[in-house]
Each structure stands twice: as structure tokens, then as C-alpha cells.
Amino acid sequence: MRTAVFFGSSYGNTEAAARTIAERLQEFIQIRIPILDIGRTDIRELEAYDVLLVGCSTWNYGELQDDWDRKCDFLDTLRLTGKKVALFGNGDQYTYDSTFQDALGILAERFEELGAELIGFWSAKGYAHSASRALRGDRFVGLALDYDNQWELTESRIAAWVAQLRAELGVS
């Protein structure tokens, strides 16, 4: 199963998460996983993979990171039916508590509209936010990271999420 990580990152936190996620997953599938900056990558590249690990931070009050914002309208030109998409993102749950991880929710809606299957839902337990477009019941549509307020939990959250993805994908 062809797998790649696509990320948009303004200050490097989402890129760092993308690299860590790819490294952790590569330990188990033993093939190189491309890590692609969506700002420098042709959007059609998403069609070349079966599993898309998509990283995007939430900016301002519930907006997509700039690179994803510029590319999002072009998603409609892609054939993503049957692709598995696992989302991960960075946000600030205290300063932007009512829009925490909204970018994940925006992307989740777009990918589902295009026929992709979302995997990697993540428990909202342990976060302090009042609302989020990324919530479905008591879970986020992907891995929610907060480098501003819970940076010390990032490594353990990534490790647990990668283990969860391995189980969902049937990779031992």
C-alpha cells in the first residue's frame, strides 16, 4: 500500500510532526514514506498513493494553514475515492478554544466529499477546548497536537496514534 505524508507548515511544528510520524511508521512497514510539503507539491500527487497522512495546523479563528488554503479548492479535481486519509494537526486549545483543530474538520469534510475514507480518529479526552469542527462525538477526526500548551505530550501522542494507524491498516 503506497503511503505518503503531505503537510503544510508555517513555523515548522506540523513539519516536525510529519517527519516523526513518517519515521515511526517506517519502522514497521520498512519502506520509505515520502514526506511532501503541500506548498511545494503538485496537488495531483495525492492521487498516486493509497494512504494519505495529511498534516495541517489551524490558523487564526478556524482557518486552514496557508499552503493548504491555497490548494484546497483544487482537491475537487482529484479522484480520491477509496483512498484512506489520516489527518493530524496542530492548534492552540487555550487561545483559540472555540476553533481548536478546525482545519482538520475542514479537510475531513473535503476528503469525505471526494470519497476518501477517514481513519485515525483520536480521543478528545485530555484537551481543554470549547468547540471544534474536528469533533465527531467525543473524538477528533485525526490526531490533535498542541505544541503551544502540551508540547510534552507530542511524542507519546504520535507514538500512540501511529500504533492505532498500524492496527487500522493491518500493518504489524
N, C-alpha and C. Protein backbone atom coordinates (compact mmCIF):
# COMPACT_ATOMS: atom_id res chain seq x y z
N MET A 1 0.84 -1.16 0.00
CA MET A 1 0.00 0.00 0.00
C MET A 1 0.89 1.23 0.00
N ARG A 2 0.76 2.01 -1.05
CA ARG A 2 1.58 3.22 -1.19
C ARG A 2 1.10 4.28 -0.22
N THR A 3 2.04 4.78 0.59
CA THR A 3 1.73 5.72 1.66
C THR A 3 2.63 6.93 1.56
N ALA A 4 2.06 8.12 1.81
CA ALA A 4 2.86 9.34 1.84
C ALA A 4 2.29 10.29 2.88
N VAL A 5 3.16 11.17 3.36
CA VAL A 5 2.76 12.23 4.28
C VAL A 5 2.76 13.54 3.51
N PHE A 6 1.66 14.27 3.59
CA PHE A 6 1.54 15.60 2.99
C PHE A 6 1.29 16.58 4.12
N PHE A 7 2.06 17.65 4.18
CA PHE A 7 1.88 18.60 5.27
C PHE A 7 1.98 20.03 4.76
N GLY A 8 1.36 20.92 5.50
CA GLY A 8 1.54 22.35 5.33
C GLY A 8 2.00 22.89 6.68
N SER A 9 3.06 23.67 6.69
CA SER A 9 3.62 24.14 7.96
C SER A 9 4.18 25.54 7.79
N SER A 10 3.76 26.45 8.64
CA SER A 10 4.25 27.83 8.58
C SER A 10 5.46 28.06 9.46
N TYR A 11 5.48 27.46 10.64
CA TYR A 11 6.59 27.67 11.58
C TYR A 11 7.36 26.41 11.92
N GLY A 12 7.03 25.29 11.28
CA GLY A 12 7.82 24.08 11.44
C GLY A 12 7.25 23.02 12.37
N ASN A 13 6.25 23.32 13.17
CA ASN A 13 5.73 22.32 14.10
C ASN A 13 5.00 21.18 13.38
N THR A 14 4.19 21.51 12.40
CA THR A 14 3.48 20.46 11.67
C THR A 14 4.45 19.65 10.82
N GLU A 15 5.46 20.30 10.29
CA GLU A 15 6.50 19.57 9.55
C GLU A 15 7.24 18.61 10.48
N ALA A 16 7.58 19.06 11.68
CA ALA A 16 8.26 18.19 12.64
C ALA A 16 7.39 16.98 12.97
N ALA A 17 6.10 17.22 13.16
CA ALA A 17 5.18 16.11 13.44
C ALA A 17 5.13 15.16 12.24
N ALA A 18 5.08 15.70 11.03
CA ALA A 18 5.04 14.88 9.82
C ALA A 18 6.26 13.97 9.74
N ARG A 19 7.41 14.52 10.03
CA ARG A 19 8.65 13.73 9.97
C ARG A 19 8.67 12.64 11.04
N THR A 20 8.22 12.97 12.24
CA THR A 20 8.19 11.98 13.32
C THR A 20 7.19 10.87 13.00
N ILE A 21 6.03 11.23 12.49
CA ILE A 21 5.01 10.24 12.13
C ILE A 21 5.57 9.30 11.06
N ALA A 22 6.18 9.86 10.02
CA ALA A 22 6.74 9.02 8.95
C ALA A 22 7.83 8.10 9.49
N GLU A 23 8.71 8.63 10.32
CA GLU A 23 9.78 7.79 10.90
C GLU A 23 9.20 6.64 11.71
N ARG A 24 8.22 6.94 12.54
CA ARG A 24 7.62 5.89 13.38
C ARG A 24 6.93 4.82 12.53
N LEU A 25 6.22 5.25 11.51
CA LEU A 25 5.51 4.29 10.67
C LEU A 25 6.48 3.47 9.83
N GLN A 26 7.54 4.09 9.36
CA GLN A 26 8.55 3.38 8.55
C GLN A 26 9.21 2.25 9.31
N GLU A 27 9.29 2.37 10.62
CA GLU A 27 9.88 1.31 11.43
C GLU A 27 9.13 -0.01 11.26
N PHE A 28 7.86 0.08 10.93
CA PHE A 28 7.03 -1.12 10.85
C PHE A 28 6.77 -1.58 9.42
N ILE A 29 6.62 -0.66 8.51
CA ILE A 29 6.32 -1.10 7.15
C ILE A 29 7.59 -1.26 6.32
N GLN A 30 8.70 -0.77 6.82
CA GLN A 30 10.03 -0.95 6.24
C GLN A 30 10.13 -0.54 4.78
N ILE A 31 9.41 0.50 4.44
CA ILE A 31 9.60 1.15 3.15
C ILE A 31 9.66 2.65 3.41
N ARG A 32 10.33 3.34 2.53
CA ARG A 32 10.45 4.79 2.68
C ARG A 32 9.10 5.45 2.43
N ILE A 33 8.71 6.31 3.33
CA ILE A 33 7.47 7.07 3.18
C ILE A 33 7.83 8.49 2.78
N PRO A 34 7.43 8.92 1.59
CA PRO A 34 7.72 10.29 1.19
C PRO A 34 7.03 11.30 2.12
N ILE A 35 7.74 12.37 2.42
CA ILE A 35 7.21 13.46 3.24
C ILE A 35 7.18 14.68 2.33
N LEU A 36 5.99 15.13 1.98
CA LEU A 36 5.84 16.16 0.95
C LEU A 36 5.19 17.42 1.49
N ASP A 37 5.86 18.54 1.28
CA ASP A 37 5.35 19.86 1.66
C ASP A 37 4.31 20.25 0.62
N ILE A 38 3.05 20.36 1.02
CA ILE A 38 1.97 20.62 0.08
C ILE A 38 2.16 21.96 -0.63
N GLY A 39 2.86 22.89 -0.01
CA GLY A 39 3.13 24.17 -0.64
C GLY A 39 4.07 24.07 -1.83
N ARG A 40 4.83 22.99 -1.89
CA ARG A 40 5.81 22.79 -2.97
C ARG A 40 5.49 21.55 -3.81
N THR A 41 4.31 21.01 -3.62
CA THR A 41 3.94 19.75 -4.27
C THR A 41 2.71 19.95 -5.13
N ASP A 42 2.72 19.37 -6.31
CA ASP A 42 1.54 19.39 -7.17
C ASP A 42 0.43 18.61 -6.46
N ILE A 43 -0.73 19.21 -6.33
CA ILE A 43 -1.86 18.60 -5.60
C ILE A 43 -2.22 17.24 -6.19
N ARG A 44 -1.98 17.04 -7.49
CA ARG A 44 -2.32 15.76 -8.13
C ARG A 44 -1.49 14.60 -7.59
N GLU A 45 -0.41 14.92 -6.89
CA GLU A 45 0.44 13.88 -6.29
C GLU A 45 -0.34 13.04 -5.28
N LEU A 46 -1.38 13.59 -4.69
CA LEU A 46 -2.19 12.83 -3.73
C LEU A 46 -2.81 11.60 -4.36
N GLU A 47 -3.10 11.66 -5.66
CA GLU A 47 -3.73 10.53 -6.35
C GLU A 47 -2.80 9.32 -6.47
N ALA A 48 -1.51 9.51 -6.32
CA ALA A 48 -0.53 8.44 -6.52
C ALA A 48 -0.43 7.49 -5.34
N TYR A 49 -1.11 7.78 -4.24
CA TYR A 49 -0.96 6.99 -3.01
C TYR A 49 -2.29 6.42 -2.55
N ASP A 50 -2.21 5.29 -1.86
CA ASP A 50 -3.40 4.64 -1.30
C ASP A 50 -3.74 5.18 0.07
N VAL A 51 -2.70 5.52 0.84
CA VAL A 51 -2.87 6.05 2.20
C VAL A 51 -2.22 7.42 2.25
N LEU A 52 -3.02 8.41 2.64
CA LEU A 52 -2.55 9.78 2.74
C LEU A 52 -2.55 10.20 4.20
N LEU A 53 -1.39 10.55 4.72
CA LEU A 53 -1.29 11.12 6.06
C LEU A 53 -1.19 12.62 5.84
N VAL A 54 -2.19 13.36 6.29
CA VAL A 54 -2.33 14.77 5.94
C VAL A 54 -2.21 15.64 7.18
N GLY A 55 -1.22 16.53 7.18
CA GLY A 55 -0.98 17.41 8.32
C GLY A 55 -1.27 18.87 8.00
N CYS A 56 -2.06 19.50 8.87
CA CYS A 56 -2.42 20.90 8.68
C CYS A 56 -2.69 21.53 10.03
N SER A 57 -2.10 22.69 10.27
CA SER A 57 -2.39 23.40 11.51
C SER A 57 -3.60 24.31 11.30
N THR A 58 -4.20 24.71 12.41
CA THR A 58 -5.32 25.65 12.37
C THR A 58 -4.78 27.04 12.67
N TRP A 59 -5.18 27.99 11.84
CA TRP A 59 -4.70 29.36 11.99
C TRP A 59 -5.83 30.31 12.32
N ASN A 60 -5.46 31.37 13.06
CA ASN A 60 -6.41 32.41 13.44
C ASN A 60 -7.65 31.78 14.06
N TYR A 61 -8.79 32.14 13.56
CA TYR A 61 -10.03 31.60 14.14
C TYR A 61 -10.63 30.55 13.21
N GLY A 62 -10.00 29.38 13.21
CA GLY A 62 -10.55 28.24 12.48
C GLY A 62 -10.21 28.17 11.01
N GLU A 63 -9.07 28.68 10.61
CA GLU A 63 -8.70 28.69 9.20
C GLU A 63 -7.61 27.65 8.90
N LEU A 64 -7.57 27.25 7.63
CA LEU A 64 -6.52 26.34 7.17
C LEU A 64 -5.18 27.07 7.14
N GLN A 65 -4.11 26.31 7.34
CA GLN A 65 -2.76 26.83 7.15
C GLN A 65 -2.64 27.30 5.70
N ASP A 66 -1.84 28.33 5.44
CA ASP A 66 -1.79 29.00 4.14
C ASP A 66 -1.60 28.06 2.95
N ASP A 67 -0.67 27.12 3.04
CA ASP A 67 -0.41 26.24 1.90
C ASP A 67 -1.63 25.38 1.57
N TRP A 68 -2.28 24.84 2.59
CA TRP A 68 -3.49 24.05 2.37
C TRP A 68 -4.63 24.94 1.89
N ASP A 69 -4.70 26.16 2.39
CA ASP A 69 -5.74 27.08 1.97
C ASP A 69 -5.64 27.36 0.47
N ARG A 70 -4.42 27.54 -0.02
CA ARG A 70 -4.22 27.79 -1.46
C ARG A 70 -4.54 26.57 -2.31
N LYS A 71 -4.36 25.37 -1.78
CA LYS A 71 -4.55 24.14 -2.56
C LYS A 71 -5.94 23.53 -2.40
N CYS A 72 -6.66 23.91 -1.38
CA CYS A 72 -7.91 23.22 -1.02
C CYS A 72 -8.93 23.20 -2.15
N ASP A 73 -9.07 24.31 -2.88
CA ASP A 73 -10.05 24.34 -3.97
C ASP A 73 -9.71 23.35 -5.07
N PHE A 74 -8.44 23.01 -5.21
CA PHE A 74 -8.01 22.09 -6.26
C PHE A 74 -8.26 20.62 -5.89
N LEU A 75 -8.59 20.36 -4.63
CA LEU A 75 -8.90 18.98 -4.23
C LEU A 75 -10.05 18.42 -5.07
N ASP A 76 -10.98 19.29 -5.46
CA ASP A 76 -12.13 18.84 -6.25
C ASP A 76 -11.75 18.25 -7.60
N THR A 77 -10.55 18.51 -8.06
CA THR A 77 -10.11 17.99 -9.36
C THR A 77 -9.53 16.58 -9.25
N LEU A 78 -9.43 16.08 -8.02
CA LEU A 78 -8.77 14.79 -7.79
C LEU A 78 -9.75 13.64 -7.68
N ARG A 79 -9.25 12.45 -7.97
CA ARG A 79 -10.00 11.21 -7.76
C ARG A 79 -9.45 10.57 -6.49
N LEU A 80 -10.19 10.69 -5.41
CA LEU A 80 -9.72 10.18 -4.13
C LEU A 80 -10.61 9.07 -3.57
N THR A 81 -11.57 8.61 -4.35
CA THR A 81 -12.46 7.55 -3.90
C THR A 81 -11.65 6.32 -3.49
N GLY A 82 -11.92 5.83 -2.29
CA GLY A 82 -11.26 4.64 -1.79
C GLY A 82 -9.92 4.89 -1.11
N LYS A 83 -9.40 6.10 -1.20
CA LYS A 83 -8.14 6.41 -0.51
C LYS A 83 -8.40 6.46 0.99
N LYS A 84 -7.44 6.03 1.77
CA LYS A 84 -7.52 6.15 3.22
C LYS A 84 -6.76 7.41 3.61
N VAL A 85 -7.42 8.26 4.41
CA VAL A 85 -6.82 9.53 4.81
C VAL A 85 -6.79 9.60 6.33
N ALA A 86 -5.59 9.84 6.87
CA ALA A 86 -5.41 10.04 8.30
C ALA A 86 -4.92 11.48 8.50
N LEU A 87 -5.66 12.24 9.26
CA LEU A 87 -5.35 13.65 9.47
C LEU A 87 -4.62 13.88 10.78
N PHE A 88 -3.71 14.83 10.78
CA PHE A 88 -3.08 15.28 12.02
C PHE A 88 -2.87 16.78 11.92
N GLY A 89 -2.94 17.44 13.07
CA GLY A 89 -2.80 18.89 13.02
C GLY A 89 -2.32 19.47 14.32
N ASN A 90 -1.99 20.74 14.24
CA ASN A 90 -1.51 21.48 15.39
C ASN A 90 -2.43 22.67 15.61
N GLY A 91 -2.69 22.97 16.87
CA GLY A 91 -3.52 24.13 17.20
C GLY A 91 -3.25 24.56 18.63
N ASP A 92 -3.88 25.64 19.03
CA ASP A 92 -3.74 26.20 20.37
C ASP A 92 -5.09 26.11 21.07
N GLN A 93 -5.22 25.15 21.97
CA GLN A 93 -6.52 24.86 22.59
C GLN A 93 -6.95 25.90 23.61
N TYR A 94 -6.06 26.75 24.07
CA TYR A 94 -6.43 27.76 25.06
C TYR A 94 -6.77 29.10 24.43
N THR A 95 -5.88 29.61 23.59
CA THR A 95 -6.13 30.90 22.95
C THR A 95 -7.28 30.81 21.96
N TYR A 96 -7.37 29.70 21.26
CA TYR A 96 -8.41 29.50 20.24
C TYR A 96 -9.28 28.30 20.61
N ASP A 97 -9.82 28.34 21.81
CA ASP A 97 -10.55 27.19 22.35
C ASP A 97 -11.83 26.86 21.57
N SER A 98 -12.42 27.84 20.89
CA SER A 98 -13.67 27.58 20.17
C SER A 98 -13.43 27.16 18.72
N THR A 99 -12.16 27.17 18.28
CA THR A 99 -11.85 26.75 16.91
C THR A 99 -10.67 25.78 16.87
N PHE A 100 -10.39 25.17 18.02
CA PHE A 100 -9.25 24.25 18.12
C PHE A 100 -9.38 23.12 17.10
N GLN A 101 -8.38 22.97 16.27
CA GLN A 101 -8.29 21.91 15.25
C GLN A 101 -9.36 22.02 14.16
N ASP A 102 -9.94 23.19 13.98
CA ASP A 102 -10.95 23.35 12.94
C ASP A 102 -10.43 22.97 11.55
N ALA A 103 -9.15 23.22 11.29
CA ALA A 103 -8.60 22.87 9.97
C ALA A 103 -8.76 21.38 9.68
N LEU A 104 -8.61 20.54 10.70
CA LEU A 104 -8.82 19.10 10.49
C LEU A 104 -10.26 18.83 10.09
N GLY A 105 -11.19 19.52 10.72
CA GLY A 105 -12.60 19.34 10.36
C GLY A 105 -12.88 19.78 8.94
N ILE A 106 -12.30 20.90 8.53
CA ILE A 106 -12.48 21.39 7.17
C ILE A 106 -11.95 20.38 6.16
N LEU A 107 -10.74 19.90 6.39
CA LEU A 107 -10.15 18.92 5.47
C LEU A 107 -10.90 17.60 5.50
N ALA A 108 -11.35 17.18 6.67
CA ALA A 108 -12.11 15.92 6.78
C ALA A 108 -13.35 15.99 5.90
N GLU A 109 -14.07 17.09 5.98
CA GLU A 109 -15.28 17.26 5.16
C GLU A 109 -14.94 17.18 3.68
N ARG A 110 -13.87 17.86 3.27
CA ARG A 110 -13.49 17.86 1.85
C ARG A 110 -13.09 16.47 1.36
N PHE A 111 -12.26 15.79 2.14
CA PHE A 111 -11.82 14.46 1.72
C PHE A 111 -12.99 13.48 1.67
N GLU A 112 -13.89 13.56 2.62
CA GLU A 112 -15.06 12.67 2.59
C GLU A 112 -15.96 12.97 1.40
N GLU A 113 -16.15 14.24 1.09
CA GLU A 113 -16.95 14.62 -0.09
C GLU A 113 -16.38 14.00 -1.36
N LEU A 114 -15.07 13.80 -1.38
CA LEU A 114 -14.39 13.25 -2.55
C LEU A 114 -14.26 11.73 -2.51
N GLY A 115 -14.90 11.10 -1.53
CA GLY A 115 -14.95 9.64 -1.48
C GLY A 115 -13.85 8.97 -0.70
N ALA A 116 -13.01 9.74 -0.03
CA ALA A 116 -11.94 9.14 0.78
C ALA A 116 -12.52 8.61 2.09
N GLU A 117 -11.83 7.64 2.66
CA GLU A 117 -12.22 7.05 3.95
C GLU A 117 -11.30 7.60 5.03
N LEU A 118 -11.87 8.23 6.04
CA LEU A 118 -11.06 8.76 7.13
C LEU A 118 -10.72 7.65 8.12
N ILE A 119 -9.47 7.64 8.54
CA ILE A 119 -9.01 6.73 9.59
C ILE A 119 -8.24 7.56 10.61
N GLY A 120 -7.91 6.96 11.74
CA GLY A 120 -7.07 7.65 12.71
C GLY A 120 -7.79 8.63 13.61
N PHE A 121 -9.07 8.41 13.86
CA PHE A 121 -9.80 9.29 14.79
C PHE A 121 -9.12 9.23 16.15
N TRP A 122 -9.17 10.33 16.91
CA TRP A 122 -8.40 10.47 18.14
C TRP A 122 -9.28 11.00 19.26
N SER A 123 -9.15 10.41 20.44
CA SER A 123 -9.96 10.82 21.59
C SER A 123 -9.73 12.29 21.94
N ALA A 124 -10.81 12.98 22.28
CA ALA A 124 -10.73 14.38 22.70
C ALA A 124 -10.45 14.51 24.20
N LYS A 125 -10.34 13.39 24.88
CA LYS A 125 -10.04 13.42 26.32
C LYS A 125 -8.65 14.00 26.55
N GLY A 126 -8.54 14.88 27.54
CA GLY A 126 -7.25 15.47 27.87
C GLY A 126 -6.99 16.81 27.20
N TYR A 127 -7.97 17.32 26.48
CA TYR A 127 -7.84 18.62 25.83
C TYR A 127 -8.83 19.60 26.48
N ALA A 128 -8.47 20.87 26.49
CA ALA A 128 -9.33 21.92 27.05
C ALA A 128 -9.75 22.86 25.93
N HIS A 129 -10.89 22.59 25.34
CA HIS A 129 -11.41 23.44 24.27
C HIS A 129 -12.93 23.49 24.42
N SER A 130 -13.53 24.51 23.86
CA SER A 130 -14.98 24.64 24.00
C SER A 130 -15.73 24.15 22.76
N ALA A 131 -15.08 24.14 21.61
CA ALA A 131 -15.73 23.69 20.38
C ALA A 131 -14.66 23.36 19.34
N SER A 132 -15.06 22.58 18.33
CA SER A 132 -14.15 22.26 17.24
C SER A 132 -14.92 21.62 16.10
N ARG A 133 -14.64 22.08 14.88
CA ARG A 133 -15.23 21.44 13.69
C ARG A 133 -14.64 20.05 13.48
N ALA A 134 -13.55 19.76 14.17
CA ALA A 134 -12.88 18.46 14.02
C ALA A 134 -13.48 17.39 14.91
N LEU A 135 -14.44 17.74 15.75
CA LEU A 135 -15.04 16.76 16.66
C LEU A 135 -16.16 15.99 15.99
N ARG A 136 -16.13 14.69 16.22
CA ARG A 136 -17.25 13.81 15.86
C ARG A 136 -17.54 13.02 17.13
N GLY A 137 -18.58 13.40 17.82
CA GLY A 137 -18.85 12.80 19.12
C GLY A 137 -17.76 13.22 20.08
N ASP A 138 -17.09 12.25 20.68
CA ASP A 138 -16.03 12.56 21.64
C ASP A 138 -14.63 12.31 21.05
N ARG A 139 -14.55 12.32 19.72
CA ARG A 139 -13.26 12.09 19.06
C ARG A 139 -13.00 13.15 17.99
N PHE A 140 -11.73 13.47 17.85
CA PHE A 140 -11.31 14.33 16.74
C PHE A 140 -11.20 13.46 15.49
N VAL A 141 -11.32 14.07 14.32
CA VAL A 141 -11.20 13.34 13.06
C VAL A 141 -9.77 12.94 12.74
N GLY A 142 -8.85 13.32 13.60
CA GLY A 142 -7.44 12.96 13.44
C GLY A 142 -6.67 13.31 14.69
N LEU A 143 -5.37 13.14 14.62
CA LEU A 143 -4.50 13.41 15.77
C LEU A 143 -4.42 14.91 16.03
N ALA A 144 -4.79 15.31 17.23
CA ALA A 144 -4.77 16.73 17.64
C ALA A 144 -3.53 16.99 18.48
N LEU A 145 -2.66 17.85 17.97
CA LEU A 145 -1.45 18.22 18.69
C LEU A 145 -1.53 19.69 19.11
N ASP A 146 -0.89 20.02 20.22
CA ASP A 146 -0.84 21.41 20.69
C ASP A 146 0.57 21.69 21.18
N TYR A 147 1.41 22.16 20.26
CA TYR A 147 2.80 22.46 20.60
C TYR A 147 2.91 23.64 21.55
N ASP A 148 1.91 24.52 21.58
CA ASP A 148 1.97 25.70 22.45
C ASP A 148 1.74 25.36 23.91
N ASN A 149 0.82 24.45 24.18
CA ASN A 149 0.40 24.21 25.56
C ASN A 149 0.66 22.80 26.08
N GLN A 150 0.81 21.83 25.18
CA GLN A 150 1.03 20.44 25.60
C GLN A 150 2.14 19.80 24.78
N TRP A 151 3.20 20.55 24.53
CA TRP A 151 4.30 20.03 23.71
C TRP A 151 4.89 18.76 24.30
N GLU A 152 4.85 18.64 25.63
CA GLU A 152 5.46 17.47 26.28
C GLU A 152 4.68 16.18 25.99
N LEU A 153 3.47 16.30 25.48
CA LEU A 153 2.66 15.12 25.15
C LEU A 153 2.78 14.72 23.68
N THR A 154 3.46 15.53 22.90
CA THR A 154 3.51 15.31 21.45
C THR A 154 4.09 13.94 21.08
N GLU A 155 5.24 13.60 21.61
CA GLU A 155 5.89 12.33 21.26
C GLU A 155 5.01 11.13 21.62
N SER A 156 4.45 11.14 22.81
CA SER A 156 3.63 9.99 23.23
C SER A 156 2.33 9.93 22.43
N ARG A 157 1.77 11.07 22.10
CA ARG A 157 0.56 11.07 21.28
C ARG A 157 0.85 10.53 19.88
N ILE A 158 1.95 10.96 19.30
CA ILE A 158 2.32 10.46 17.98
C ILE A 158 2.56 8.95 18.02
N ALA A 159 3.27 8.48 19.02
CA ALA A 159 3.55 7.04 19.13
C ALA A 159 2.25 6.25 19.24
N ALA A 160 1.33 6.72 20.06
CA ALA A 160 0.05 6.01 20.23
C ALA A 160 -0.77 6.06 18.95
N TRP A 161 -0.76 7.20 18.27
CA TRP A 161 -1.54 7.34 17.05
C TRP A 161 -0.98 6.45 15.94
N VAL A 162 0.32 6.40 15.82
CA VAL A 162 0.93 5.53 14.80
C VAL A 162 0.59 4.07 15.09
N ALA A 163 0.61 3.67 16.36
CA ALA A 163 0.20 2.30 16.71
C ALA A 163 -1.25 2.06 16.32
N GLN A 164 -2.09 3.04 16.55
CA GLN A 164 -3.50 2.94 16.17
C GLN A 164 -3.64 2.81 14.65
N LEU A 165 -2.90 3.62 13.90
CA LEU A 165 -2.94 3.54 12.44
C LEU A 165 -2.48 2.19 11.94
N ARG A 166 -1.43 1.67 12.54
CA ARG A 166 -0.94 0.34 12.15
C ARG A 166 -2.05 -0.69 12.30
N ALA A 167 -2.78 -0.63 13.41
CA ALA A 167 -3.88 -1.58 13.63
C ALA A 167 -4.98 -1.37 12.59
N GLU A 168 -5.34 -0.12 12.33
CA GLU A 168 -6.41 0.17 11.37
C GLU A 168 -6.03 -0.24 9.96
N LEU A 169 -4.74 -0.16 9.64
CA LEU A 169 -4.27 -0.51 8.30
C LEU A 169 -3.84 -1.97 8.19
N GLY A 170 -3.82 -2.68 9.31
CA GLY A 170 -3.41 -4.07 9.31
C GLY A 170 -1.92 -4.26 9.11
N VAL A 171 -1.13 -3.30 9.59
CA VAL A 171 0.33 -3.35 9.47
C VAL A 171 0.89 -3.76 10.82
N SER A 172 1.61 -4.88 10.86
CA SER A 172 2.14 -5.32 12.16
C SER A 172 3.57 -4.92 12.36
